[in-house]
Protein backbone atom coordinates (compact mmCIF):
# COMPACT_ATOMS: atom_id res chain seq x y z
CA MET A 1 116.13 20.11 -29.48
CA LYS A 2 119.39 18.30 -29.57
CA ILE A 3 119.72 15.50 -27.08
CA LEU A 4 123.22 13.57 -26.90
CA VAL A 5 122.45 9.59 -26.55
CA LEU A 6 125.33 7.50 -24.66
CA ASN A 7 125.86 3.52 -24.35
CA CYS A 8 128.95 3.24 -22.40
CA GLY A 9 130.73 -0.08 -21.63
CA SER A 10 133.88 -0.46 -19.42
CA SER A 11 136.52 0.34 -22.32
CA SER A 12 133.60 1.81 -24.84
CA LEU A 13 131.43 4.68 -25.62
CA LYS A 14 128.90 5.09 -27.97
CA TYR A 15 126.98 8.13 -28.86
CA GLN A 16 124.41 9.62 -31.18
CA LEU A 17 123.52 13.39 -31.28
CA ILE A 18 120.01 13.24 -32.07
CA ASP A 19 117.75 16.08 -33.69
CA VAL A 20 114.33 14.96 -31.22
CA ASP A 21 112.39 17.88 -33.43
CA THR A 22 113.14 16.15 -36.79
CA LYS A 23 113.98 12.58 -35.25
CA THR A 24 117.70 12.63 -37.51
CA VAL A 25 120.44 11.26 -36.46
CA MET A 26 123.39 14.52 -36.86
CA THR A 27 126.24 12.04 -35.67
CA LYS A 28 127.54 9.19 -34.48
CA GLY A 29 130.54 7.70 -32.95
CA LEU A 30 132.36 4.77 -31.22
CA LEU A 31 134.96 4.96 -28.88
CA GLU A 32 137.24 1.16 -28.60
CA ARG A 33 139.78 0.14 -26.01
CA ILE A 34 139.58 2.83 -23.28
CA GLY A 35 142.19 2.61 -20.53
CA LEU A 36 144.73 0.82 -22.88
CA GLU A 37 147.73 1.52 -24.43
CA MET A 38 145.89 2.72 -27.67
CA GLY A 39 142.24 3.76 -28.41
CA ILE A 40 140.30 3.76 -31.90
CA PHE A 41 138.18 6.83 -32.23
CA SER A 42 135.81 6.56 -35.13
CA TYR A 43 132.71 8.80 -35.89
CA THR A 44 130.63 9.39 -38.99
CA SER A 45 129.80 13.12 -39.52
CA HIS A 46 128.25 14.73 -43.01
CA GLY A 47 128.05 11.09 -44.63
CA THR A 48 131.78 10.85 -43.58
CA LYS A 49 133.60 8.63 -41.59
CA HIS A 50 136.73 9.73 -39.86
CA THR A 51 138.82 7.15 -37.87
CA THR A 52 142.04 8.10 -35.25
CA GLU A 53 144.33 5.83 -33.18
CA CYS A 54 145.15 7.66 -29.73
CA PRO A 55 145.49 7.01 -25.92
CA ILE A 56 142.02 7.10 -24.28
CA PRO A 57 142.88 6.49 -20.73
CA ASN A 58 139.48 7.03 -19.29
CA HIS A 59 135.90 7.79 -20.11
CA THR A 60 136.57 11.74 -19.37
CA GLU A 61 138.87 11.93 -21.49
CA GLY A 62 137.28 10.37 -24.43
CA LEU A 63 133.96 12.50 -23.95
CA LYS A 64 136.33 15.27 -24.58
CA LEU A 65 137.02 14.10 -27.73
CA VAL A 66 133.91 13.62 -28.62
CA MET A 67 133.22 16.96 -27.84
CA GLY A 68 135.90 18.28 -29.87
CA ALA A 69 134.47 16.01 -33.00
CA LEU A 70 131.02 17.59 -32.19
CA MET A 71 132.35 21.18 -32.58
CA ASP A 72 135.25 20.65 -35.15
CA LYS A 73 135.28 23.27 -37.56
CA GLU A 74 135.23 20.86 -40.76
CA THR A 75 133.62 17.97 -39.51
CA GLY A 76 131.52 18.99 -36.85
CA VAL A 77 127.78 19.76 -36.54
CA ILE A 78 127.38 22.19 -34.02
CA LYS A 79 128.97 25.38 -32.97
CA SER A 80 128.84 25.10 -29.09
CA ILE A 81 128.13 22.75 -26.70
CA ASP A 82 124.97 24.61 -25.31
CA GLU A 83 123.30 23.54 -28.07
CA VAL A 84 122.76 20.02 -26.48
CA SER A 85 120.21 20.33 -23.94
CA ALA A 86 120.10 16.86 -22.37
CA VAL A 87 122.38 13.66 -21.97
CA GLY A 88 120.36 10.29 -22.15
CA HIS A 89 121.83 7.26 -21.12
CA ARG A 90 121.33 3.65 -21.98
CA PHE A 91 121.74 1.71 -18.72
CA ALA A 92 121.58 -1.59 -18.82
CA HIS A 93 119.93 -2.83 -15.45
CA GLY A 94 117.56 -0.96 -12.65
CA GLY A 95 116.89 -4.03 -10.92
CA GLU A 96 113.74 -3.14 -8.72
CA TYR A 97 114.46 0.55 -7.89
CA PHE A 98 113.33 1.98 -11.36
CA LYS A 99 110.04 1.22 -13.05
CA LYS A 100 110.47 4.18 -15.48
CA SER A 101 113.14 6.51 -17.15
CA GLU A 102 114.65 8.93 -14.33
CA ILE A 103 116.95 11.89 -14.23
CA ILE A 104 120.39 10.95 -12.86
CA SER A 105 121.38 12.12 -9.27
CA ARG A 106 123.63 11.14 -6.76
CA GLU A 107 121.04 9.05 -5.08
CA LEU A 108 120.26 6.82 -8.22
CA ILE A 109 123.91 6.21 -8.89
CA ASN A 110 124.24 4.92 -5.33
CA LYS A 111 121.48 2.50 -6.04
CA GLU A 112 122.82 1.54 -9.55
CA GLU A 113 126.30 0.91 -7.57
CA SER A 114 124.47 -1.42 -5.63
CA LEU A 115 122.94 -3.80 -8.61
CA THR A 116 126.76 -4.39 -9.78
CA ASP A 117 126.41 -7.39 -9.04
CA LEU A 118 123.80 -7.84 -11.39
CA ALA A 119 125.01 -6.96 -14.44
CA PRO A 120 128.97 -6.37 -13.68
CA LEU A 121 129.66 -6.31 -17.24
CA HIS A 122 127.53 -3.45 -17.93
CA ILE A 123 126.83 -1.49 -14.66
CA PRO A 124 129.93 -0.07 -14.10
CA GLY A 125 130.47 1.51 -17.44
CA ASN A 126 127.22 3.21 -17.32
CA ILE A 127 128.24 5.27 -14.10
CA MET A 128 131.36 5.85 -15.70
CA GLY A 129 129.80 7.75 -18.55
CA ALA A 130 127.19 9.34 -15.85
CA GLU A 131 130.22 10.95 -13.96
CA ALA A 132 132.53 11.47 -17.35
CA ILE A 133 129.67 14.02 -18.03
CA ASN A 134 129.47 15.58 -15.25
CA ASN A 135 133.54 15.91 -15.24
CA VAL A 136 132.80 17.37 -18.44
CA LEU A 137 129.60 19.26 -18.74
CA PRO A 138 128.37 19.63 -15.50
CA HIS A 139 125.52 21.77 -15.88
CA ILE A 140 124.07 19.59 -18.50
CA PRO A 141 120.89 17.34 -17.05
CA GLN A 142 121.46 13.38 -17.93
CA VAL A 143 118.80 10.72 -17.86
CA ALA A 144 119.46 7.35 -17.10
CA VAL A 145 117.33 5.24 -19.54
CA PHE A 146 116.92 1.47 -17.83
CA ASP A 147 116.65 -1.45 -20.46
CA THR A 148 114.80 -3.65 -17.07
CA ALA A 149 112.19 -1.16 -16.57
CA PHE A 150 109.45 -1.80 -19.09
CA ASN A 151 109.49 -5.49 -17.95
CA LEU A 152 108.88 -4.23 -14.08
CA SER A 153 105.15 -5.10 -14.66
CA ILE A 154 105.70 -8.90 -14.89
CA GLU A 155 103.71 -10.34 -11.95
CA PRO A 156 105.14 -12.80 -9.62
CA LYS A 157 104.04 -15.56 -11.13
CA ASN A 158 105.98 -14.68 -14.26
CA TYR A 159 109.45 -13.31 -12.52
CA LEU A 160 109.97 -15.76 -9.56
CA TYR A 161 111.50 -18.64 -10.09
CA GLY A 162 111.25 -22.06 -7.96
CA ILE A 163 114.10 -21.70 -5.79
CA PRO A 164 113.66 -20.86 -1.93
CA TYR A 165 111.62 -17.26 -1.68
CA GLU A 166 114.11 -16.16 0.53
CA TYR A 167 117.10 -15.95 -2.39
CA TYR A 168 114.58 -13.44 -3.82
CA GLU A 169 114.23 -11.43 -0.77
CA GLN A 170 117.98 -11.67 0.22
CA TYR A 171 119.37 -11.49 -3.44
CA GLY A 172 116.85 -10.14 -5.85
CA ILE A 173 116.94 -13.40 -7.69
CA ARG A 174 113.86 -13.48 -10.41
CA ARG A 175 113.51 -12.46 -13.96
CA TYR A 176 113.59 -9.39 -14.70
CA GLY A 177 113.97 -9.18 -18.61
CA PHE A 178 115.88 -7.25 -20.94
CA HIS A 179 115.38 -4.91 -24.36
CA GLY A 180 112.62 -3.17 -22.77
CA THR A 181 113.17 0.24 -24.79
CA SER A 182 113.18 -1.53 -27.88
CA HIS A 183 109.97 -3.41 -27.12
CA ARG A 184 108.26 -0.54 -25.79
CA PHE A 185 109.36 1.06 -29.24
CA VAL A 186 108.55 -0.91 -31.75
CA ALA A 187 105.05 -2.21 -29.78
CA LYS A 188 104.06 1.67 -30.01
CA LYS A 189 105.46 2.24 -33.73
CA GLY A 190 103.81 -1.23 -34.99
CA ALA A 191 100.52 -0.24 -33.85
CA LYS A 192 100.55 3.22 -35.35
CA MET A 193 101.21 1.61 -38.46
CA ILE A 194 98.18 -0.54 -38.01
CA ASP A 195 96.18 2.66 -36.98
CA ARG A 196 95.60 1.60 -33.46
CA TYR A 197 96.64 2.94 -29.94
CA TRP A 198 99.02 0.31 -28.87
CA LYS A 199 97.29 0.41 -25.21
CA ASP A 200 94.31 -1.49 -27.39
CA LEU A 201 96.24 -4.48 -28.12
CA LYS A 202 97.99 -7.97 -27.33
CA ILE A 203 101.22 -7.44 -28.96
CA ILE A 204 104.22 -10.00 -29.02
CA THR A 205 107.70 -8.20 -29.69
CA CYS A 206 110.41 -10.37 -31.26
CA HIS A 207 113.92 -8.31 -30.91
CA LEU A 208 116.17 -10.90 -32.95
CA GLY A 209 119.80 -9.73 -32.93
CA SER A 210 123.09 -11.57 -31.56
CA GLY A 211 121.35 -10.51 -28.26
CA ALA A 212 117.78 -11.69 -28.71
CA SER A 213 114.46 -12.00 -26.72
CA ILE A 214 110.82 -12.08 -26.71
CA CYS A 215 108.54 -9.73 -24.86
CA ALA A 216 104.69 -9.91 -24.25
CA ILE A 217 102.56 -6.82 -23.96
CA ASP A 218 99.17 -6.97 -23.10
CA HIS A 219 97.47 -3.57 -23.34
CA GLY A 220 100.79 -1.50 -23.14
CA LYS A 221 101.96 -3.64 -19.78
CA SER A 222 105.15 -6.29 -20.43
CA VAL A 223 103.18 -9.18 -19.09
CA ASN A 224 106.36 -11.94 -19.69
CA ASN A 225 109.77 -11.47 -21.23
CA SER A 226 111.90 -14.50 -22.50
CA MET A 227 115.50 -13.09 -20.79
CA GLY A 228 115.82 -13.80 -16.98
CA MET A 229 117.67 -12.39 -14.25
CA THR A 230 120.14 -12.37 -16.81
CA SER A 231 120.57 -11.61 -20.49
CA LEU A 232 121.53 -15.29 -20.49
CA GLU A 233 117.94 -16.92 -19.95
CA GLY A 234 115.54 -17.61 -23.21
CA LEU A 235 116.60 -17.86 -27.00
CA THR A 236 119.35 -19.40 -28.32
CA MET A 237 121.60 -15.96 -29.32
CA GLY A 238 124.88 -15.42 -31.11
CA SER A 239 127.45 -16.77 -28.80
CA ARG A 240 124.76 -17.24 -25.30
CA CYS A 241 123.34 -20.73 -24.24
CA GLY A 242 119.57 -19.31 -23.84
CA ASP A 243 117.56 -21.83 -22.08
CA ILE A 244 119.19 -24.74 -20.67
CA ASP A 245 118.96 -27.40 -18.02
CA ILE A 246 120.82 -26.40 -14.68
CA GLY A 247 121.46 -29.79 -13.78
CA ALA A 248 123.53 -30.25 -17.33
CA VAL A 249 125.59 -27.08 -16.28
CA LEU A 250 126.07 -28.55 -13.04
CA TYR A 251 127.07 -32.13 -14.25
CA LEU A 252 129.43 -30.44 -17.18
CA MET A 253 131.02 -28.39 -14.63
CA ASP A 254 131.86 -31.81 -12.53
CA LYS A 255 133.08 -33.72 -15.62
CA ALA A 256 134.73 -31.01 -17.50
CA GLY A 257 136.37 -29.75 -13.74
CA LEU A 258 135.33 -26.25 -14.46
CA SER A 259 135.36 -23.63 -12.53
CA ALA A 260 132.12 -20.88 -11.99
CA ASP A 261 134.25 -18.81 -13.89
CA GLN A 262 135.17 -20.99 -17.08
CA MET A 263 131.60 -21.81 -17.09
CA ASN A 264 130.25 -18.61 -17.16
CA ASP A 265 132.63 -17.75 -19.91
CA ILE A 266 131.41 -20.80 -21.69
CA LEU A 267 127.93 -20.12 -20.93
CA TYR A 268 128.08 -16.25 -22.30
CA LYS A 269 131.03 -16.65 -24.88
CA LYS A 270 131.24 -20.12 -26.25
CA SER A 271 127.81 -20.81 -26.91
CA GLY A 272 124.43 -20.14 -28.30
CA LEU A 273 125.11 -20.19 -32.54
CA VAL A 274 129.23 -19.98 -32.20
CA GLY A 275 128.93 -23.33 -29.96
CA LEU A 276 126.26 -24.70 -32.16
CA THR A 277 128.07 -24.15 -35.47
CA GLY A 278 131.57 -24.38 -33.91
CA GLY A 279 132.07 -20.90 -36.19
CA SER A 280 130.31 -17.47 -36.53
CA PRO A 281 127.33 -16.33 -34.96
CA ASP A 282 126.14 -14.37 -37.93
CA MET A 283 123.16 -15.45 -39.04
CA ARG A 284 123.71 -14.66 -43.13
CA ASP A 285 126.74 -17.00 -42.56
CA ILE A 286 124.90 -19.40 -41.18
CA TRP A 287 121.99 -19.25 -43.67
CA ALA A 288 124.56 -19.93 -46.17
CA GLY A 289 125.72 -22.97 -44.29
CA VAL A 290 122.36 -23.92 -44.33
CA GLN A 291 122.02 -23.49 -48.60
CA ARG A 292 125.65 -25.73 -48.85
CA GLY A 293 123.93 -28.26 -46.70
CA ASP A 294 126.44 -28.19 -43.80
CA LYS A 295 124.87 -30.29 -40.98
CA ARG A 296 126.05 -27.86 -37.68
CA ASN A 297 124.56 -24.71 -39.50
CA THR A 298 121.64 -26.62 -40.23
CA LEU A 299 121.02 -27.60 -36.70
CA ALA A 300 121.87 -24.12 -35.24
CA PHE A 301 119.39 -22.40 -37.83
CA GLU A 302 116.94 -25.17 -36.76
CA VAL A 303 117.33 -24.64 -33.06
CA PHE A 304 117.05 -20.89 -33.39
CA ALA A 305 114.06 -21.18 -35.32
CA GLN A 306 112.11 -23.23 -32.70
CA ARG A 307 113.19 -21.92 -29.21
CA CYS A 308 111.19 -18.62 -31.35
CA LYS A 309 108.74 -20.66 -32.35
CA LYS A 310 107.85 -22.05 -28.48
CA TYR A 311 108.37 -18.61 -27.34
CA ILE A 312 105.53 -16.99 -29.66
CA GLY A 313 103.53 -20.03 -28.92
CA ALA A 314 103.93 -19.65 -25.13
CA PHE A 315 102.91 -16.12 -24.97
CA ILE A 316 100.32 -16.63 -27.14
CA ALA A 317 98.45 -18.48 -24.97
CA GLN A 318 99.33 -16.55 -21.71
CA MET A 319 97.62 -13.70 -23.02
CA ASN A 320 94.85 -15.72 -24.55
CA GLY A 321 95.76 -14.51 -28.29
CA CYS A 322 97.88 -11.96 -29.91
CA ASP A 323 96.35 -9.01 -32.54
CA LEU A 324 100.18 -7.90 -33.59
CA LEU A 325 103.17 -10.30 -33.97
CA ILE A 326 106.30 -7.97 -34.50
CA PHE A 327 109.81 -8.61 -36.10
CA THR A 328 112.82 -6.26 -34.80
CA GLY A 329 116.63 -6.29 -34.27
CA GLY A 330 119.37 -7.10 -36.98
CA ILE A 331 117.59 -10.77 -37.39
CA GLY A 332 114.28 -9.97 -36.99
CA GLU A 333 114.48 -6.94 -39.46
CA ASN A 334 116.55 -8.43 -42.31
CA ALA A 335 116.65 -11.94 -42.47
CA TRP A 336 113.46 -13.04 -44.34
CA PHE A 337 114.60 -16.77 -44.29
CA MET A 338 114.76 -16.60 -40.41
CA ARG A 339 111.12 -15.07 -40.39
CA HIS A 340 109.90 -17.66 -43.01
CA ALA A 341 111.30 -20.77 -40.30
CA ILE A 342 109.89 -19.10 -37.56
CA LEU A 343 106.14 -18.53 -38.93
CA GLU A 344 105.57 -21.52 -41.10
CA ASN A 345 102.57 -24.08 -39.83
CA MET A 346 101.44 -21.65 -37.43
CA GLU A 347 98.33 -20.63 -39.46
CA TRP A 348 95.87 -22.65 -35.91
CA LEU A 349 97.78 -19.68 -33.96
CA GLY A 350 96.03 -17.13 -36.17
CA ILE A 351 99.72 -16.56 -37.77
CA ASP A 352 98.82 -16.47 -41.27
CA ILE A 353 102.13 -14.96 -43.31
CA ASP A 354 102.60 -13.90 -47.08
CA MET A 355 105.42 -15.64 -47.72
CA ASP A 356 106.50 -14.16 -51.06
CA LEU A 357 106.16 -10.81 -49.28
CA ASN A 358 108.07 -11.84 -46.03
CA ASP A 359 110.62 -12.84 -48.32
CA ARG A 360 111.29 -10.11 -50.47
CA THR A 361 111.05 -8.11 -47.18
CA ALA A 362 113.92 -6.82 -45.47
CA GLY A 363 115.25 -3.93 -44.02
CA VAL A 364 112.06 -1.52 -43.91
CA ASP A 365 108.91 -1.36 -41.95
CA ALA A 366 105.96 -3.82 -43.82
CA ILE A 367 103.15 -5.69 -42.85
CA ILE A 368 103.80 -9.33 -43.75
CA SER A 369 100.38 -11.23 -42.96
CA ARG A 370 97.68 -11.85 -45.27
CA PRO A 371 94.84 -9.53 -45.31
CA GLY A 372 92.06 -10.85 -42.75
CA ALA A 373 94.79 -12.89 -40.58
CA ARG A 374 93.75 -13.30 -36.99
CA VAL A 375 97.29 -12.04 -36.23
CA THR A 376 98.81 -9.08 -38.00
CA THR A 377 102.57 -10.08 -38.24
CA ALA A 378 104.74 -6.74 -38.99
CA VAL A 379 108.60 -6.04 -39.32
CA VAL A 380 109.23 -3.09 -37.64
CA LEU A 381 112.70 -1.23 -37.52
CA THR A 382 113.81 -0.18 -33.91
CA ASP A 383 115.26 2.91 -32.69
CA GLU A 384 117.01 2.30 -29.33
CA GLU A 385 118.92 5.84 -29.26
CA LEU A 386 115.82 7.51 -30.61
CA ALA A 387 113.96 6.14 -27.51
CA ILE A 388 116.27 7.26 -25.12
CA ALA A 389 116.26 10.28 -27.15
CA ILE A 390 112.80 10.84 -26.57
CA ASP A 391 112.53 9.76 -23.08
CA THR A 392 114.90 12.05 -21.95
CA TYR A 393 113.66 14.95 -23.85
CA LYS A 394 110.21 14.35 -21.99
CA LEU A 395 111.83 14.38 -18.72
CA VAL A 396 114.10 17.54 -19.01
CA CYS A 397 112.42 19.73 -21.46
CA GLU A 398 108.52 19.00 -20.56
CA GLN A 399 108.61 19.41 -16.92
C-alpha cells in the first residue's frame, strides 16, 4: 500500500512516497521557489539525487512534475499513478475544530480557511497542496493530519492565558501546542522499546530541532505542550525567541520605534540561537564555539539547555512523576552534548543517565538511562511522514 505524503508551504512542496506495508520511503523530493521566475526541483530515487531548475508557476504544475518523476521510465518507482492509494497532508493548524486526522472535504477546507489568521505562513500553502491534488488526481482520497490535533486534549487550566476570557471566545486565543504528530509517534515507539503500552505511562517527549517543543503525555493524552497559540512560545529555538516577557516586547517596540511587522520578524527570524550567537542557529556550530571558549555561543548553549531543563521539571511536577523521557528531532537525536547538558544534575527527579552511553549515542534509537533509574530516558528517532502515512492508511484503507 503506497501513500504519497505532502508538506506544502506557500512556495514549497516536500513529498515522500511511502510503502506502508514495509514502512519504507520509496522516493522523496522537494520543490522550491514555486511561483517565482525559476524554481528548483530535487528528488532522490534509487539512491541517486536529481536536481533541475525550471519554472514552477503554482502547486498544480509542481505536482505534475512530481507525478512525472514518480513514473519516469529511468528514475521512477511506480508504473502507474493507480499504485498510489491516498495522499496524506501535514496541516500546521487545526484550531479547535480538528482533534484527529480527517479525510479532506470541502467543509474541512472551508474551516481551514477560517483559521488562516492562526497560522498565516502555513495554512494557505496547506490548502494549495490539497487543491492541487484535486486538480491533478481528483480520484485519489486525501487526508489532513493536523500538527495541533494531539494537543487538543490539554485542559483549559493549562491552555488558557491570563487575559480577558472574551478574547478566547471571540478570537480563539489559547495554547494549542505543536509537533503533535511527532510527539505522538515517538511516545508510542519509545514505549515499545521498553516493552510497555504508551497509554499505561507518564511520558515527556522533547522534540528538539530548529523548531522545538516539549510535551507532557499522561496515559496517552497530551496534558501540556511548551508551544502556545503560535510556534513562538516555549523553548529557545533556532531563530524564534521562545518565552519572553510581553512587557519587554512592548518596551522594545516603543524604544526602537518598531512596527508590529518588524517586531514579528525579529521574534520569528532574528531571535533564538541566531540572536544570541549573532550567527548560526546550528547546534553543531554552537558546540564548536563552546569548545573554542566563545562567550556568546556558550551563552546560547546554556540558555537552550536551561530552558529544556525547566520544562522537563515543570511537566514532571504537573504529572506527579514520569516513567519515560524521550529525546527526538535533529538536536534531540544527534546532539549528545546538548542532552548531556540538559540531563546532568537531575537525579533528584529520578533521571539518572549513563553519560558515557549518552555521549556515544547519535542518530539511533537507544536507552541512555542507567538500569534501575526511576525515569527511563531514551533517544527515539521520529518519522512524521511515516506517522502521516499510517494515519492516512487507517482512515482511507481500513474503513
